[in-house]
């Protein structure tokens, strides 16, 4: 899928592995990540992450509001965003995704910019989310789907947009895994 580098997008990938973050760094469109402030605790990487990206403490209402405002400003400044719509690595049974949160979809509709579903099918096998870090040999793959335009959508359509993005990624995950 060829993306227009002059347009803003919100990229919504599935999230099963810590490898997903550097994998999204392969995105040909320059993006700002929106993610948990837990990343800030990683030595050196955390400092850079906090300075370059938008972080959120999900337990703080003030932080969540500030994250939405910072995300809107980043879009106004011409940036694209990466938002993991599951809200983190929450599933206990990858590659089954958890329900999506509203943030990415509300932002896309409010700013009338396209959402790009992204499927990352194998990272959970290569670097599983486990206490003991074990890296497995495997192929990193990143699949950008056709952008879904939000022009003319209203906030009442957030559930339908979430479902469309969810089913796009879920269908591709199943296709990729059955082809292995």
C-alpha atoms as a PDB file:
ATOM      1  CA  UNK A   1       0.000   0.000   0.000  1.00  0.00           C
ATOM      2  CA  UNK A   2       1.514   3.327  -1.077  1.00  0.00           C
ATOM      3  CA  UNK A   3       0.710   6.196   1.276  1.00  0.00           C
ATOM      4  CA  UNK A   4       0.719   9.888   0.393  1.00  0.00           C
ATOM      5  CA  UNK A   5       3.617  11.476   2.333  1.00  0.00           C
ATOM      6  CA  UNK A   6       1.896  14.875   2.180  1.00  0.00           C
ATOM      7  CA  UNK A   7      -1.149  13.660   4.163  1.00  0.00           C
ATOM      8  CA  UNK A   8      -1.655  13.109   7.882  1.00  0.00           C
ATOM      9  CA  UNK A   9      -2.740   9.690   9.092  1.00  0.00           C
ATOM     10  CA  UNK A  10      -3.449   7.894  12.305  1.00  0.00           C
ATOM     11  CA  UNK A  11      -1.804   4.475  12.141  1.00  0.00           C
ATOM     12  CA  UNK A  12      -3.558   1.798  14.201  1.00  0.00           C
ATOM     13  CA  UNK A  13      -1.534  -1.413  14.560  1.00  0.00           C
ATOM     14  CA  UNK A  14      -2.242  -4.494  16.650  1.00  0.00           C
ATOM     15  CA  UNK A  15       0.049  -4.765  19.697  1.00  0.00           C
ATOM     16  CA  UNK A  16       1.244  -8.110  21.066  1.00  0.00           C
ATOM     17  CA  UNK A  17       5.012  -7.568  21.522  1.00  0.00           C
ATOM     18  CA  UNK A  18       7.560  -4.952  22.577  1.00  0.00           C
ATOM     19  CA  UNK A  19       9.025  -5.504  19.118  1.00  0.00           C
ATOM     20  CA  UNK A  20       5.948  -3.737  17.670  1.00  0.00           C
ATOM     21  CA  UNK A  21       7.287  -0.313  18.644  1.00  0.00           C
ATOM     22  CA  UNK A  22      10.587  -0.488  16.728  1.00  0.00           C
ATOM     23  CA  UNK A  23       8.773  -2.286  13.900  1.00  0.00           C
ATOM     24  CA  UNK A  24       6.447   0.709  13.472  1.00  0.00           C
ATOM     25  CA  UNK A  25       9.621   2.773  13.202  1.00  0.00           C
ATOM     26  CA  UNK A  26       9.942   1.208   9.718  1.00  0.00           C
ATOM     27  CA  UNK A  27       6.896   3.245   8.690  1.00  0.00           C
ATOM     28  CA  UNK A  28       7.832   5.364   5.635  1.00  0.00           C
ATOM     29  CA  UNK A  29       5.665   8.221   6.980  1.00  0.00           C
ATOM     30  CA  UNK A  30       7.221  10.281   9.777  1.00  0.00           C
ATOM     31  CA  UNK A  31       5.066   9.712  12.854  1.00  0.00           C
ATOM     32  CA  UNK A  32       4.714  10.573  16.503  1.00  0.00           C
ATOM     33  CA  UNK A  33       3.871   7.678  18.813  1.00  0.00           C
ATOM     34  CA  UNK A  34       1.159   8.015  21.444  1.00  0.00           C
ATOM     35  CA  UNK A  35       1.843   5.526  24.220  1.00  0.00           C
ATOM     36  CA  UNK A  36       1.949   4.673  27.876  1.00  0.00           C
ATOM     37  CA  UNK A  37       4.320   6.582  30.083  1.00  0.00           C
ATOM     38  CA  UNK A  38       5.732   3.215  31.265  1.00  0.00           C
ATOM     39  CA  UNK A  39       8.138   3.505  28.310  1.00  0.00           C
ATOM     40  CA  UNK A  40       9.761   6.467  30.067  1.00  0.00           C
ATOM     41  CA  UNK A  41      11.316   4.157  32.680  1.00  0.00           C
ATOM     42  CA  UNK A  42      13.537   2.310  30.175  1.00  0.00           C
ATOM     43  CA  UNK A  43      17.085   3.680  30.535  1.00  0.00           C
ATOM     44  CA  UNK A  44      18.138   6.037  27.719  1.00  0.00           C
ATOM     45  CA  UNK A  45      15.347   4.843  25.389  1.00  0.00           C
ATOM     46  CA  UNK A  46      12.718   6.152  27.822  1.00  0.00           C
ATOM     47  CA  UNK A  47      14.244   9.620  27.916  1.00  0.00           C
ATOM     48  CA  UNK A  48      14.331   9.816  24.115  1.00  0.00           C
ATOM     49  CA  UNK A  49      10.801   8.374  23.843  1.00  0.00           C
ATOM     50  CA  UNK A  50       9.412  11.014  26.225  1.00  0.00           C
ATOM     51  CA  UNK A  51      11.138  13.840  24.326  1.00  0.00           C
ATOM     52  CA  UNK A  52      10.043  12.682  20.864  1.00  0.00           C
ATOM     53  CA  UNK A  53       6.604  11.225  21.469  1.00  0.00           C
ATOM     54  CA  UNK A  54       3.361  11.773  23.377  1.00  0.00           C
ATOM     55  CA  UNK A  55       3.030   9.769  26.570  1.00  0.00           C
ATOM     56  CA  UNK A  56       0.021   9.122  28.755  1.00  0.00           C
ATOM     57  CA  UNK A  57      -0.550   7.963  32.304  1.00  0.00           C
ATOM     58  CA  UNK A  58      -3.854   6.181  31.836  1.00  0.00           C
ATOM     59  CA  UNK A  59      -4.644   6.347  35.559  1.00  0.00           C
ATOM     60  CA  UNK A  60      -4.642  10.158  35.469  1.00  0.00           C
ATOM     61  CA  UNK A  61      -7.569  12.024  33.926  1.00  0.00           C
ATOM     62  CA  UNK A  62      -5.380  15.123  33.559  1.00  0.00           C
ATOM     63  CA  UNK A  63      -2.732  13.127  31.668  1.00  0.00           C
ATOM     64  CA  UNK A  64      -5.358  11.581  29.363  1.00  0.00           C
ATOM     65  CA  UNK A  65      -6.796  15.031  28.568  1.00  0.00           C
ATOM     66  CA  UNK A  66      -3.305  16.453  27.953  1.00  0.00           C
ATOM     67  CA  UNK A  67      -2.525  13.519  25.657  1.00  0.00           C
ATOM     68  CA  UNK A  68      -5.618  14.208  23.552  1.00  0.00           C
ATOM     69  CA  UNK A  69      -4.685  17.909  23.335  1.00  0.00           C
ATOM     70  CA  UNK A  70      -1.064  17.083  22.423  1.00  0.00           C
ATOM     71  CA  UNK A  71      -2.260  14.603  19.779  1.00  0.00           C
ATOM     72  CA  UNK A  72      -4.567  17.207  18.218  1.00  0.00           C
ATOM     73  CA  UNK A  73      -1.724  19.752  18.194  1.00  0.00           C
ATOM     74  CA  UNK A  74       0.644  17.253  16.564  1.00  0.00           C
ATOM     75  CA  UNK A  75      -1.914  16.719  13.786  1.00  0.00           C
ATOM     76  CA  UNK A  76      -2.354  20.487  13.418  1.00  0.00           C
ATOM     77  CA  UNK A  77       1.446  20.711  13.120  1.00  0.00           C
ATOM     78  CA  UNK A  78       1.307  18.312  10.156  1.00  0.00           C
ATOM     79  CA  UNK A  79       2.357  15.141  11.948  1.00  0.00           C
ATOM     80  CA  UNK A  80       0.907  11.649  11.670  1.00  0.00           C
ATOM     81  CA  UNK A  81       0.306   9.523  14.774  1.00  0.00           C
ATOM     82  CA  UNK A  82       0.795   5.896  15.758  1.00  0.00           C
ATOM     83  CA  UNK A  83      -1.795   4.838  18.318  1.00  0.00           C
ATOM     84  CA  UNK A  84      -2.108   1.225  19.439  1.00  0.00           C
ATOM     85  CA  UNK A  85      -5.902   1.042  19.696  1.00  0.00           C
ATOM     86  CA  UNK A  86      -5.903  -1.858  22.181  1.00  0.00           C
ATOM     87  CA  UNK A  87      -4.321   0.527  24.678  1.00  0.00           C
ATOM     88  CA  UNK A  88      -1.274  -1.661  25.237  1.00  0.00           C
ATOM     89  CA  UNK A  89      -0.311  -5.312  25.187  1.00  0.00           C
ATOM     90  CA  UNK A  90      -3.419  -6.454  26.991  1.00  0.00           C
ATOM     91  CA  UNK A  91      -4.355  -9.738  25.363  1.00  0.00           C
ATOM     92  CA  UNK A  92      -3.555 -12.964  27.154  1.00  0.00           C
ATOM     93  CA  UNK A  93      -4.065 -14.973  23.982  1.00  0.00           C
ATOM     94  CA  UNK A  94      -2.240 -13.496  20.984  1.00  0.00           C
ATOM     95  CA  UNK A  95      -3.009 -13.204  18.136  1.00  0.00           C
ATOM     96  CA  UNK A  96      -6.502 -12.446  19.449  1.00  0.00           C
ATOM     97  CA  UNK A  97      -6.854  -8.716  19.922  1.00  0.00           C
ATOM     98  CA  UNK A  98      -8.577  -7.001  22.823  1.00  0.00           C
ATOM     99  CA  UNK A  99     -11.400  -4.535  22.284  1.00  0.00           C
ATOM    100  CA  UNK A 100     -10.235  -1.199  20.901  1.00  0.00           C
ATOM    101  CA  UNK A 101     -10.401   2.013  22.901  1.00  0.00           C
ATOM    102  CA  UNK A 102     -12.026   5.108  21.348  1.00  0.00           C
ATOM    103  CA  UNK A 103      -9.123   7.606  21.358  1.00  0.00           C
ATOM    104  CA  UNK A 104      -7.605   7.036  17.913  1.00  0.00           C
ATOM    105  CA  UNK A 105     -11.010   6.945  16.257  1.00  0.00           C
ATOM    106  CA  UNK A 106     -12.394  10.027  18.008  1.00  0.00           C
ATOM    107  CA  UNK A 107      -9.237  11.945  17.094  1.00  0.00           C
ATOM    108  CA  UNK A 108      -9.385  10.848  13.448  1.00  0.00           C
ATOM    109  CA  UNK A 109     -13.029  11.878  13.145  1.00  0.00           C
ATOM    110  CA  UNK A 110     -12.551  15.180  14.975  1.00  0.00           C
ATOM    111  CA  UNK A 111      -9.584  16.048  12.733  1.00  0.00           C
ATOM    112  CA  UNK A 112     -11.179  14.433   9.654  1.00  0.00           C
ATOM    113  CA  UNK A 113      -8.024  12.464   8.781  1.00  0.00           C
ATOM    114  CA  UNK A 114      -7.688   8.908   7.553  1.00  0.00           C
ATOM    115  CA  UNK A 115      -6.941   5.915   9.733  1.00  0.00           C
ATOM    116  CA  UNK A 116      -4.524   3.308   8.417  1.00  0.00           C
ATOM    117  CA  UNK A 117      -5.051  -0.162   9.909  1.00  0.00           C
ATOM    118  CA  UNK A 118      -1.702  -1.932  10.335  1.00  0.00           C
ATOM    119  CA  UNK A 119      -1.224  -5.646  10.851  1.00  0.00           C
ATOM    120  CA  UNK A 120       1.939  -6.891  12.566  1.00  0.00           C
ATOM    121  CA  UNK A 121       1.385 -10.652  12.318  1.00  0.00           C
ATOM    122  CA  UNK A 122       4.499 -12.343  13.741  1.00  0.00           C
ATOM    123  CA  UNK A 123       6.169 -10.186  16.394  1.00  0.00           C
ATOM    124  CA  UNK A 124       4.332 -11.979  19.206  1.00  0.00           C
ATOM    125  CA  UNK A 125       6.073 -15.187  18.103  1.00  0.00           C
ATOM    126  CA  UNK A 126       9.507 -13.547  17.687  1.00  0.00           C
ATOM    127  CA  UNK A 127       9.421 -11.683  21.015  1.00  0.00           C
ATOM    128  CA  UNK A 128       6.556 -12.913  23.203  1.00  0.00           C
ATOM    129  CA  UNK A 129       5.306 -10.736  26.055  1.00  0.00           C
ATOM    130  CA  UNK A 130       6.737 -12.828  28.885  1.00  0.00           C
ATOM    131  CA  UNK A 131       8.636 -12.070  32.079  1.00  0.00           C
ATOM    132  CA  UNK A 132      11.723 -13.872  30.791  1.00  0.00           C
ATOM    133  CA  UNK A 133      12.755 -12.202  27.538  1.00  0.00           C
ATOM    134  CA  UNK A 134      13.303 -14.805  24.842  1.00  0.00           C
ATOM    135  CA  UNK A 135      13.926 -13.771  21.288  1.00  0.00           C
ATOM    136  CA  UNK A 136      12.915 -16.349  18.657  1.00  0.00           C
ATOM    137  CA  UNK A 137      14.048 -16.460  15.054  1.00  0.00           C
ATOM    138  CA  UNK A 138      11.364 -15.168  12.730  1.00  0.00           C
ATOM    139  CA  UNK A 139      10.289 -12.757  10.051  1.00  0.00           C
ATOM    140  CA  UNK A 140       9.186  -9.244  10.962  1.00  0.00           C
ATOM    141  CA  UNK A 141       6.324  -8.209   8.696  1.00  0.00           C
ATOM    142  CA  UNK A 142       4.385  -4.956   8.584  1.00  0.00           C
ATOM    143  CA  UNK A 143       1.205  -4.705   6.511  1.00  0.00           C
ATOM    144  CA  UNK A 144      -0.276  -1.266   5.861  1.00  0.00           C
ATOM    145  CA  UNK A 145      -3.898  -1.482   4.776  1.00  0.00           C
ATOM    146  CA  UNK A 146      -5.776   0.980   2.627  1.00  0.00           C
ATOM    147  CA  UNK A 147      -6.463   4.225   4.530  1.00  0.00           C
ATOM    148  CA  UNK A 148     -10.023   4.605   5.797  1.00  0.00           C
ATOM    149  CA  UNK A 149     -11.215   8.149   5.219  1.00  0.00           C
ATOM    150  CA  UNK A 150     -13.163   9.876   8.000  1.00  0.00           C
ATOM    151  CA  UNK A 151     -14.202  12.974   6.058  1.00  0.00           C
ATOM    152  CA  UNK A 152     -17.870  13.600   6.787  1.00  0.00           C
ATOM    153  CA  UNK A 153     -17.991  11.136   9.702  1.00  0.00           C
ATOM    154  CA  UNK A 154     -19.350  12.197  13.070  1.00  0.00           C
ATOM    155  CA  UNK A 155     -18.484  11.004  16.564  1.00  0.00           C
ATOM    156  CA  UNK A 156     -21.628   8.846  16.514  1.00  0.00           C
ATOM    157  CA  UNK A 157     -19.789   6.679  13.953  1.00  0.00           C
ATOM    158  CA  UNK A 158     -16.855   5.839  16.274  1.00  0.00           C
ATOM    159  CA  UNK A 159     -18.185   2.289  16.978  1.00  0.00           C
ATOM    160  CA  UNK A 160     -18.509   1.472  13.258  1.00  0.00           C
ATOM    161  CA  UNK A 161     -15.052   2.871  12.488  1.00  0.00           C
ATOM    162  CA  UNK A 162     -13.516   0.898  15.368  1.00  0.00           C
ATOM    163  CA  UNK A 163     -15.189  -2.279  14.125  1.00  0.00           C
ATOM    164  CA  UNK A 164     -14.005  -1.731  10.549  1.00  0.00           C
ATOM    165  CA  UNK A 165     -10.384  -1.255  11.644  1.00  0.00           C
ATOM    166  CA  UNK A 166     -10.604  -4.197  14.063  1.00  0.00           C
ATOM    167  CA  UNK A 167     -12.014  -6.559  11.437  1.00  0.00           C
ATOM    168  CA  UNK A 168      -9.453  -5.419   8.828  1.00  0.00           C
ATOM    169  CA  UNK A 169      -6.549  -6.272  11.143  1.00  0.00           C
ATOM    170  CA  UNK A 170      -8.182  -9.435  12.520  1.00  0.00           C
ATOM    171  CA  UNK A 171      -8.886 -10.814   9.032  1.00  0.00           C
ATOM    172  CA  UNK A 172      -5.272 -10.193   7.981  1.00  0.00           C
ATOM    173  CA  UNK A 173      -3.908 -11.795  11.170  1.00  0.00           C
ATOM    174  CA  UNK A 174      -5.920 -14.938  10.463  1.00  0.00           C
ATOM    175  CA  UNK A 175      -4.858 -14.952   6.804  1.00  0.00           C
ATOM    176  CA  UNK A 176      -1.159 -14.560   7.673  1.00  0.00           C
ATOM    177  CA  UNK A 177      -1.214 -17.225  10.351  1.00  0.00           C
ATOM    178  CA  UNK A 178      -3.023 -19.753   8.160  1.00  0.00           C
ATOM    179  CA  UNK A 179      -0.407 -19.159   5.424  1.00  0.00           C
ATOM    180  CA  UNK A 180       2.516 -19.988   7.764  1.00  0.00           C
END
